[in-house]
Amino acid sequence: MLRGFILGVHVLLALMIIALVLLQRGKGAEAGAGFGSGASGTVFGARGTSTLFSKLTAVFAALFFATSLSLAYLGARPVAEPTSVLERAAQAAAAAAKPPATAPAPLTTPAPATPPAPAPTPPPSNTPPK
């Protein structure tokens, strides 16, 4: 929701910057160029004029930069929940297709094929009991 809003503002700012740059006059089209002189900046002084369009372009460029940073930040974070019905259906289908998780069988050694031989009995002793 927030990402879509910021993206809409971002596109609108980009279009406004393009329009303002195209509406501004170039340096050679100022009043000094009409008099045949190549130095058009000298008519209005060394600084020239700062028009409304150039100020608005600077403001929109700063806002464009801010929306770019915020979109980059939001794009780096993972999305916690699906946002559309199709994404939820895809997750439900993926969960239904998976086999249920079972605990792994413990590792055991196979039983020997033949039973173990009984331990030999000790020989009888020749000493009398006390």
N, C-alpha and C. Protein backbone atom coordinates (compact mmCIF):
# COMPACT_ATOMS: atom_id res chain seq x y z
N MET A 1 0.83 -1.19 0.00
CA MET A 1 0.00 0.00 0.00
C MET A 1 0.87 1.26 0.00
N LEU A 2 1.78 1.34 0.97
CA LEU A 2 2.66 2.50 1.07
C LEU A 2 3.62 2.54 -0.11
N ARG A 3 4.11 1.37 -0.50
CA ARG A 3 5.04 1.30 -1.62
C ARG A 3 4.38 1.79 -2.91
N GLY A 4 3.13 1.43 -3.12
CA GLY A 4 2.41 1.87 -4.30
C GLY A 4 2.17 3.37 -4.31
N PHE A 5 1.86 3.93 -3.14
CA PHE A 5 1.66 5.38 -3.04
C PHE A 5 2.95 6.13 -3.35
N ILE A 6 4.05 5.68 -2.76
CA ILE A 6 5.33 6.35 -2.99
C ILE A 6 5.75 6.21 -4.44
N LEU A 7 5.47 5.06 -5.03
CA LEU A 7 5.81 4.87 -6.44
C LEU A 7 4.99 5.80 -7.33
N GLY A 8 3.73 6.00 -7.01
CA GLY A 8 2.91 6.94 -7.77
C GLY A 8 3.42 8.36 -7.67
N VAL A 9 3.79 8.79 -6.46
CA VAL A 9 4.36 10.13 -6.27
C VAL A 9 5.68 10.25 -7.02
N HIS A 10 6.47 9.19 -7.02
CA HIS A 10 7.77 9.17 -7.70
C HIS A 10 7.60 9.38 -9.21
N VAL A 11 6.65 8.67 -9.80
CA VAL A 11 6.41 8.81 -11.24
C VAL A 11 5.89 10.21 -11.55
N LEU A 12 4.99 10.72 -10.71
CA LEU A 12 4.46 12.07 -10.92
C LEU A 12 5.57 13.12 -10.84
N LEU A 13 6.48 12.97 -9.89
CA LEU A 13 7.60 13.90 -9.77
C LEU A 13 8.51 13.82 -11.00
N ALA A 14 8.72 12.62 -11.50
CA ALA A 14 9.56 12.48 -12.69
C ALA A 14 8.93 13.19 -13.89
N LEU A 15 7.63 13.04 -14.06
CA LEU A 15 6.95 13.71 -15.16
C LEU A 15 6.99 15.24 -15.00
N MET A 16 6.84 15.71 -13.76
CA MET A 16 6.90 17.16 -13.52
C MET A 16 8.29 17.72 -13.81
N ILE A 17 9.33 16.98 -13.44
CA ILE A 17 10.70 17.43 -13.72
C ILE A 17 10.93 17.51 -15.22
N ILE A 18 10.46 16.50 -15.95
CA ILE A 18 10.62 16.50 -17.40
C ILE A 18 9.90 17.71 -18.00
N ALA A 19 8.67 17.98 -17.56
CA ALA A 19 7.90 19.11 -18.10
C ALA A 19 8.58 20.44 -17.78
N LEU A 20 9.07 20.60 -16.56
CA LEU A 20 9.71 21.86 -16.18
C LEU A 20 11.01 22.09 -16.94
N VAL A 21 11.78 21.05 -17.15
CA VAL A 21 13.03 21.21 -17.89
C VAL A 21 12.74 21.58 -19.34
N LEU A 22 11.70 20.97 -19.91
CA LEU A 22 11.37 21.31 -21.29
C LEU A 22 10.78 22.71 -21.44
N LEU A 23 10.13 23.23 -20.40
CA LEU A 23 9.56 24.57 -20.47
C LEU A 23 10.59 25.68 -20.26
N GLN A 24 11.71 25.37 -19.66
CA GLN A 24 12.72 26.40 -19.39
C GLN A 24 13.44 26.78 -20.67
N ARG A 25 13.88 28.01 -20.70
CA ARG A 25 14.65 28.48 -21.85
C ARG A 25 16.11 28.10 -21.66
N GLY A 26 16.77 27.92 -22.77
CA GLY A 26 18.21 27.67 -22.72
C GLY A 26 18.96 28.95 -22.46
N LYS A 27 20.25 28.86 -22.16
CA LYS A 27 21.04 30.06 -21.86
C LYS A 27 21.17 30.98 -23.07
N GLY A 28 21.18 30.44 -24.27
CA GLY A 28 21.34 31.26 -25.47
C GLY A 28 20.06 31.94 -25.89
N ALA A 29 18.93 31.64 -25.29
CA ALA A 29 17.65 32.21 -25.70
C ALA A 29 17.22 33.36 -24.81
N GLU A 30 18.07 33.87 -23.97
CA GLU A 30 17.71 34.99 -23.10
C GLU A 30 17.76 36.30 -23.87
N ALA A 31 17.47 37.39 -23.21
CA ALA A 31 17.33 38.69 -23.87
C ALA A 31 18.61 39.17 -24.55
N GLY A 32 19.74 38.83 -24.03
CA GLY A 32 21.01 39.28 -24.62
C GLY A 32 21.24 38.69 -25.99
N ALA A 33 20.72 37.50 -26.24
CA ALA A 33 20.91 36.87 -27.54
C ALA A 33 20.11 37.61 -28.62
N GLY A 34 19.04 38.28 -28.24
CA GLY A 34 18.24 39.03 -29.20
C GLY A 34 18.96 40.26 -29.73
N PHE A 35 19.93 40.78 -29.00
CA PHE A 35 20.68 41.96 -29.43
C PHE A 35 21.89 41.60 -30.27
N GLY A 36 22.06 40.34 -30.56
CA GLY A 36 23.19 39.93 -31.38
C GLY A 36 24.46 39.67 -30.61
N SER A 37 24.42 39.78 -29.34
CA SER A 37 25.62 39.56 -28.54
C SER A 37 25.68 38.11 -28.09
N GLY A 38 26.85 37.58 -27.99
CA GLY A 38 27.01 36.19 -27.57
C GLY A 38 26.98 36.04 -26.07
N ALA A 39 27.21 37.11 -25.32
CA ALA A 39 27.26 37.05 -23.86
C ALA A 39 25.90 37.44 -23.31
N SER A 40 25.00 36.50 -23.24
CA SER A 40 23.64 36.82 -22.80
C SER A 40 23.56 37.04 -21.30
N GLY A 41 24.49 36.55 -20.53
CA GLY A 41 24.43 36.71 -19.09
C GLY A 41 24.76 38.12 -18.63
N THR A 42 25.35 38.93 -19.47
CA THR A 42 25.76 40.27 -19.05
C THR A 42 24.59 41.24 -19.03
N VAL A 43 23.48 40.96 -19.69
CA VAL A 43 22.35 41.87 -19.70
C VAL A 43 21.73 41.97 -18.31
N PHE A 44 21.60 40.84 -17.62
CA PHE A 44 20.97 40.82 -16.30
C PHE A 44 21.98 40.73 -15.17
N GLY A 45 23.23 40.91 -15.45
CA GLY A 45 24.26 40.84 -14.42
C GLY A 45 25.01 39.51 -14.50
N ALA A 46 26.00 39.34 -13.66
CA ALA A 46 26.84 38.14 -13.70
C ALA A 46 26.09 36.91 -13.22
N ARG A 47 25.14 37.10 -12.29
CA ARG A 47 24.41 35.96 -11.74
C ARG A 47 23.30 35.48 -12.66
N GLY A 48 22.72 36.35 -13.41
CA GLY A 48 21.58 35.99 -14.25
C GLY A 48 20.32 35.98 -13.40
N THR A 49 19.25 35.43 -13.95
CA THR A 49 17.99 35.40 -13.21
C THR A 49 17.68 33.99 -12.76
N SER A 50 17.00 33.90 -11.66
CA SER A 50 16.55 32.60 -11.15
C SER A 50 15.04 32.59 -11.26
N THR A 51 14.53 31.85 -12.20
CA THR A 51 13.10 31.86 -12.46
C THR A 51 12.37 30.88 -11.55
N LEU A 52 11.07 30.99 -11.60
CA LEU A 52 10.23 30.08 -10.82
C LEU A 52 10.41 28.64 -11.28
N PHE A 53 10.57 28.46 -12.59
CA PHE A 53 10.73 27.11 -13.12
C PHE A 53 12.01 26.45 -12.60
N SER A 54 13.09 27.19 -12.50
CA SER A 54 14.34 26.60 -12.03
C SER A 54 14.25 26.27 -10.53
N LYS A 55 13.54 27.10 -9.77
CA LYS A 55 13.36 26.80 -8.34
C LYS A 55 12.48 25.57 -8.14
N LEU A 56 11.39 25.48 -8.93
CA LEU A 56 10.51 24.32 -8.83
C LEU A 56 11.24 23.04 -9.26
N THR A 57 12.09 23.16 -10.26
CA THR A 57 12.86 21.99 -10.70
C THR A 57 13.75 21.49 -9.58
N ALA A 58 14.38 22.40 -8.85
CA ALA A 58 15.25 22.01 -7.74
C ALA A 58 14.44 21.34 -6.63
N VAL A 59 13.26 21.87 -6.32
CA VAL A 59 12.41 21.28 -5.27
C VAL A 59 11.94 19.89 -5.68
N PHE A 60 11.48 19.77 -6.94
CA PHE A 60 11.01 18.46 -7.40
C PHE A 60 12.15 17.45 -7.48
N ALA A 61 13.35 17.91 -7.81
CA ALA A 61 14.50 17.01 -7.85
C ALA A 61 14.83 16.50 -6.45
N ALA A 62 14.74 17.36 -5.45
CA ALA A 62 15.00 16.93 -4.07
C ALA A 62 13.94 15.92 -3.60
N LEU A 63 12.68 16.17 -3.94
CA LEU A 63 11.62 15.23 -3.59
C LEU A 63 11.78 13.90 -4.34
N PHE A 64 12.20 13.98 -5.60
CA PHE A 64 12.46 12.77 -6.38
C PHE A 64 13.57 11.94 -5.73
N PHE A 65 14.60 12.61 -5.26
CA PHE A 65 15.68 11.93 -4.56
C PHE A 65 15.19 11.24 -3.29
N ALA A 66 14.33 11.93 -2.54
CA ALA A 66 13.79 11.36 -1.29
C ALA A 66 12.91 10.14 -1.58
N THR A 67 12.07 10.23 -2.62
CA THR A 67 11.23 9.07 -2.94
C THR A 67 12.06 7.92 -3.47
N SER A 68 13.15 8.22 -4.17
CA SER A 68 14.04 7.16 -4.65
C SER A 68 14.66 6.40 -3.48
N LEU A 69 15.11 7.15 -2.48
CA LEU A 69 15.70 6.51 -1.30
C LEU A 69 14.68 5.69 -0.53
N SER A 70 13.47 6.21 -0.39
CA SER A 70 12.45 5.47 0.36
C SER A 70 12.02 4.22 -0.40
N LEU A 71 11.93 4.28 -1.72
CA LEU A 71 11.60 3.08 -2.49
C LEU A 71 12.72 2.04 -2.41
N ALA A 72 13.95 2.49 -2.38
CA ALA A 72 15.07 1.55 -2.24
C ALA A 72 15.04 0.89 -0.86
N TYR A 73 14.71 1.65 0.16
CA TYR A 73 14.62 1.08 1.52
C TYR A 73 13.48 0.08 1.62
N LEU A 74 12.32 0.44 1.08
CA LEU A 74 11.18 -0.47 1.14
C LEU A 74 11.39 -1.70 0.27
N GLY A 75 12.12 -1.57 -0.81
CA GLY A 75 12.39 -2.71 -1.67
C GLY A 75 13.37 -3.69 -1.07
N ALA A 76 14.21 -3.23 -0.16
CA ALA A 76 15.19 -4.11 0.46
C ALA A 76 14.59 -4.96 1.57
N ARG A 77 13.47 -4.51 2.13
CA ARG A 77 12.84 -5.28 3.21
C ARG A 77 11.99 -6.39 2.62
N PRO A 78 12.00 -7.58 3.22
CA PRO A 78 11.14 -8.65 2.70
C PRO A 78 9.68 -8.40 3.03
N VAL A 79 8.83 -8.86 2.17
CA VAL A 79 7.39 -8.72 2.37
C VAL A 79 6.94 -9.83 3.32
N ALA A 80 6.24 -9.47 4.39
CA ALA A 80 5.87 -10.45 5.41
C ALA A 80 4.70 -11.32 4.96
N GLU A 81 3.67 -10.73 4.42
CA GLU A 81 2.48 -11.48 4.05
C GLU A 81 2.16 -11.24 2.59
N PRO A 82 1.48 -12.19 1.96
CA PRO A 82 1.08 -11.95 0.58
C PRO A 82 0.06 -10.83 0.51
N THR A 83 0.15 -10.05 -0.55
CA THR A 83 -0.72 -8.89 -0.66
C THR A 83 -1.91 -9.11 -1.58
N SER A 84 -1.89 -10.16 -2.37
CA SER A 84 -3.01 -10.37 -3.28
C SER A 84 -3.62 -11.76 -3.07
N VAL A 85 -4.80 -11.94 -3.59
CA VAL A 85 -5.49 -13.22 -3.47
C VAL A 85 -4.73 -14.30 -4.22
N LEU A 86 -4.14 -13.96 -5.36
CA LEU A 86 -3.39 -14.94 -6.14
C LEU A 86 -2.15 -15.43 -5.39
N GLU A 87 -1.46 -14.52 -4.70
CA GLU A 87 -0.29 -14.93 -3.92
C GLU A 87 -0.69 -15.85 -2.78
N ARG A 88 -1.81 -15.56 -2.13
CA ARG A 88 -2.29 -16.43 -1.06
C ARG A 88 -2.65 -17.81 -1.59
N ALA A 89 -3.30 -17.85 -2.76
CA ALA A 89 -3.67 -19.13 -3.36
C ALA A 89 -2.43 -19.92 -3.75
N ALA A 90 -1.40 -19.24 -4.25
CA ALA A 90 -0.16 -19.93 -4.62
C ALA A 90 0.53 -20.50 -3.39
N GLN A 91 0.52 -19.75 -2.29
CA GLN A 91 1.13 -20.27 -1.06
C GLN A 91 0.35 -21.44 -0.51
N ALA A 92 -0.98 -21.39 -0.59
CA ALA A 92 -1.80 -22.50 -0.11
C ALA A 92 -1.58 -23.74 -0.96
N ALA A 93 -1.45 -23.58 -2.27
CA ALA A 93 -1.20 -24.72 -3.15
C ALA A 93 0.18 -25.31 -2.90
N ALA A 94 1.15 -24.46 -2.64
CA ALA A 94 2.50 -24.96 -2.36
C ALA A 94 2.53 -25.71 -1.03
N ALA A 95 1.78 -25.23 -0.05
CA ALA A 95 1.74 -25.91 1.24
C ALA A 95 1.01 -27.25 1.14
N ALA A 96 -0.03 -27.33 0.29
CA ALA A 96 -0.77 -28.59 0.13
C ALA A 96 0.04 -29.61 -0.65
N ALA A 97 0.91 -29.18 -1.53
CA ALA A 97 1.70 -30.10 -2.35
C ALA A 97 2.85 -30.72 -1.58
N LYS A 98 3.29 -30.07 -0.54
CA LYS A 98 4.41 -30.60 0.23
C LYS A 98 3.95 -31.79 1.07
N PRO A 99 4.77 -32.86 1.15
CA PRO A 99 4.41 -33.95 2.05
C PRO A 99 4.56 -33.49 3.49
N PRO A 100 3.80 -34.06 4.41
CA PRO A 100 3.93 -33.63 5.80
C PRO A 100 5.33 -33.93 6.32
N ALA A 101 5.78 -33.06 7.12
CA ALA A 101 7.12 -33.22 7.67
C ALA A 101 7.12 -34.36 8.68
N THR A 102 8.02 -35.31 8.50
CA THR A 102 8.15 -36.42 9.43
C THR A 102 9.51 -36.35 10.07
N ALA A 103 9.58 -36.89 11.26
CA ALA A 103 10.86 -36.89 11.96
C ALA A 103 11.76 -37.92 11.29
N PRO A 104 13.03 -37.62 11.15
CA PRO A 104 13.92 -38.59 10.52
C PRO A 104 14.07 -39.82 11.41
N ALA A 105 14.17 -40.96 10.77
CA ALA A 105 14.31 -42.22 11.51
C ALA A 105 15.67 -42.23 12.20
N PRO A 106 15.71 -42.73 13.45
CA PRO A 106 17.01 -42.77 14.13
C PRO A 106 17.93 -43.77 13.44
N LEU A 107 19.18 -43.44 13.46
CA LEU A 107 20.16 -44.33 12.86
C LEU A 107 20.39 -45.52 13.79
N THR A 108 20.13 -46.71 13.30
CA THR A 108 20.36 -47.93 14.08
C THR A 108 21.20 -48.86 13.24
N THR A 109 21.93 -49.69 13.92
CA THR A 109 22.70 -50.69 13.19
C THR A 109 21.80 -51.88 12.92
N PRO A 110 21.94 -52.49 11.78
CA PRO A 110 21.07 -53.64 11.48
C PRO A 110 21.38 -54.80 12.42
N ALA A 111 20.36 -55.57 12.68
CA ALA A 111 20.53 -56.74 13.56
C ALA A 111 21.41 -57.75 12.85
N PRO A 112 22.26 -58.44 13.59
CA PRO A 112 23.12 -59.43 12.94
C PRO A 112 22.27 -60.59 12.38
N ALA A 113 22.76 -61.19 11.34
CA ALA A 113 22.02 -62.28 10.70
C ALA A 113 21.96 -63.51 11.60
N THR A 114 22.98 -63.77 12.36
CA THR A 114 22.99 -64.93 13.27
C THR A 114 23.04 -64.43 14.69
N PRO A 115 22.35 -65.09 15.58
CA PRO A 115 22.40 -64.64 16.98
C PRO A 115 23.81 -64.83 17.53
N PRO A 116 24.21 -64.01 18.45
CA PRO A 116 25.57 -64.16 19.00
C PRO A 116 25.69 -65.47 19.78
N ALA A 117 26.85 -66.03 19.72
CA ALA A 117 27.11 -67.28 20.44
C ALA A 117 27.16 -67.01 21.94
N PRO A 118 26.63 -67.95 22.75
CA PRO A 118 26.69 -67.72 24.20
C PRO A 118 28.13 -67.72 24.68
N ALA A 119 28.36 -67.00 25.72
CA ALA A 119 29.72 -66.93 26.28
C ALA A 119 30.11 -68.30 26.81
N PRO A 120 31.34 -68.70 26.60
CA PRO A 120 31.75 -70.02 27.11
C PRO A 120 31.74 -70.05 28.64
N THR A 121 31.35 -71.18 29.16
CA THR A 121 31.32 -71.33 30.62
C THR A 121 32.71 -71.66 31.11
N PRO A 122 33.09 -71.12 32.24
CA PRO A 122 34.44 -71.41 32.75
C PRO A 122 34.55 -72.89 33.19
N PRO A 123 35.69 -73.44 33.07
CA PRO A 123 35.86 -74.85 33.51
C PRO A 123 35.69 -74.98 35.03
N PRO A 124 35.19 -76.11 35.49
CA PRO A 124 35.02 -76.28 36.95
C PRO A 124 36.37 -76.29 37.66
N SER A 125 36.38 -75.68 38.79
CA SER A 125 37.64 -75.65 39.56
C SER A 125 37.72 -76.89 40.46
N ASN A 126 38.89 -77.36 40.76
CA ASN A 126 39.09 -78.56 41.58
C ASN A 126 39.27 -78.21 43.06
N THR A 127 39.10 -77.01 43.42
CA THR A 127 39.27 -76.66 44.83
C THR A 127 37.93 -76.80 45.54
N PRO A 128 37.96 -77.36 46.74
CA PRO A 128 36.71 -77.53 47.49
C PRO A 128 36.21 -76.18 48.02
N PRO A 129 34.97 -76.06 48.16
CA PRO A 129 34.43 -74.80 48.69
C PRO A 129 34.73 -74.64 50.16
N LYS A 130 34.85 -73.54 50.68
CA LYS A 130 35.21 -73.31 52.07
C LYS A 130 34.04 -73.10 52.91
